[in-house]
Amino acid sequence: MLLLDDLRARRLAARLNLRRMGTVALLAAAKRARFIDRPKPQLEALVTNNSYLGQGLIEAALRDVGE
């Protein structure tokens, strides 16, 4: 499993048939597995610290985990 957010790296991993996951998906998976209670604070911290995360992606992930 590769944790990737960079588009070029994700495309290369896909061409190599490697399993990959971005930060938002990782936080959603952690919520579903009960490793964290809520992914929203972590997502907000990433955005606050200048990580680019699309708002639509964040909203979809939070909806998916019931937030």
Protein backbone atom coordinates (compact mmCIF):
# COMPACT_ATOMS: atom_id res chain seq x y z
CA MET A 1 0.00 0.00 0.00
CA LEU A 2 1.30 3.41 -0.93
CA LEU A 3 0.06 6.61 0.69
CA LEU A 4 0.14 9.16 -2.12
CA ASP A 5 -1.36 12.57 -2.68
CA ASP A 6 0.84 13.75 -5.56
CA LEU A 7 -1.01 13.32 -8.87
CA ARG A 8 2.04 12.22 -10.85
CA ALA A 9 2.95 9.65 -8.21
CA ARG A 10 -0.63 8.31 -8.12
CA ARG A 11 -0.66 7.95 -11.90
CA LEU A 12 2.63 6.08 -11.88
CA ALA A 13 1.45 3.80 -9.08
CA ALA A 14 -1.73 3.08 -11.05
CA ARG A 15 0.31 2.17 -14.14
CA LEU A 16 2.35 -0.19 -11.99
CA ASN A 17 -0.85 -1.71 -10.55
CA LEU A 18 0.11 -0.72 -7.01
CA ARG A 19 -2.55 -0.25 -4.38
CA ARG A 20 -2.66 3.39 -3.38
CA MET A 21 -4.56 5.69 -1.05
CA GLY A 22 -4.56 9.42 -0.40
CA THR A 23 -4.63 11.20 2.94
CA VAL A 24 -8.39 11.84 2.88
CA ALA A 25 -9.14 8.18 2.16
CA LEU A 26 -6.69 7.11 4.87
CA LEU A 27 -8.44 9.28 7.47
CA ALA A 28 -11.85 7.95 6.38
CA ALA A 29 -10.55 4.38 6.68
CA ALA A 30 -9.14 5.16 10.14
CA LYS A 31 -12.58 6.42 11.22
CA ARG A 32 -14.32 3.30 9.88
CA ALA A 33 -11.75 1.10 11.67
CA ARG A 34 -12.29 3.15 14.86
CA PHE A 35 -8.67 4.28 15.09
CA ILE A 36 -9.92 7.86 15.26
CA ASP A 37 -13.26 9.29 16.37
CA ARG A 38 -13.54 12.02 13.77
CA PRO A 39 -11.44 12.80 10.69
CA LYS A 40 -12.70 16.38 10.37
CA PRO A 41 -10.21 17.96 12.85
CA GLN A 42 -7.27 16.31 11.09
CA LEU A 43 -8.56 17.42 7.69
CA GLU A 44 -9.02 20.98 8.94
CA ALA A 45 -5.48 20.95 10.35
CA LEU A 46 -4.10 19.84 7.00
CA VAL A 47 -5.93 22.65 5.20
CA THR A 48 -4.82 25.18 7.82
CA ASN A 49 -1.22 24.10 7.27
CA ASN A 50 -1.45 24.66 3.51
CA SER A 51 -2.10 21.13 2.30
CA TYR A 52 -4.25 21.32 -0.78
CA LEU A 53 -7.34 19.18 -0.36
CA GLY A 54 -10.33 19.77 -2.59
CA GLN A 55 -13.40 20.84 -0.64
CA GLY A 56 -15.57 18.41 -2.60
CA LEU A 57 -13.29 15.53 -1.70
CA ILE A 58 -13.36 16.48 1.97
CA GLU A 59 -17.16 16.80 2.00
CA ALA A 60 -17.60 13.44 0.24
CA ALA A 61 -15.27 11.69 2.69
CA LEU A 62 -17.02 13.19 5.71
CA ARG A 63 -20.41 12.24 4.30
CA ASP A 64 -19.12 8.71 3.69
CA VAL A 65 -18.20 8.30 7.37
CA GLY A 66 -21.34 9.99 8.69
CA GLU A 67 -19.96 13.40 9.66
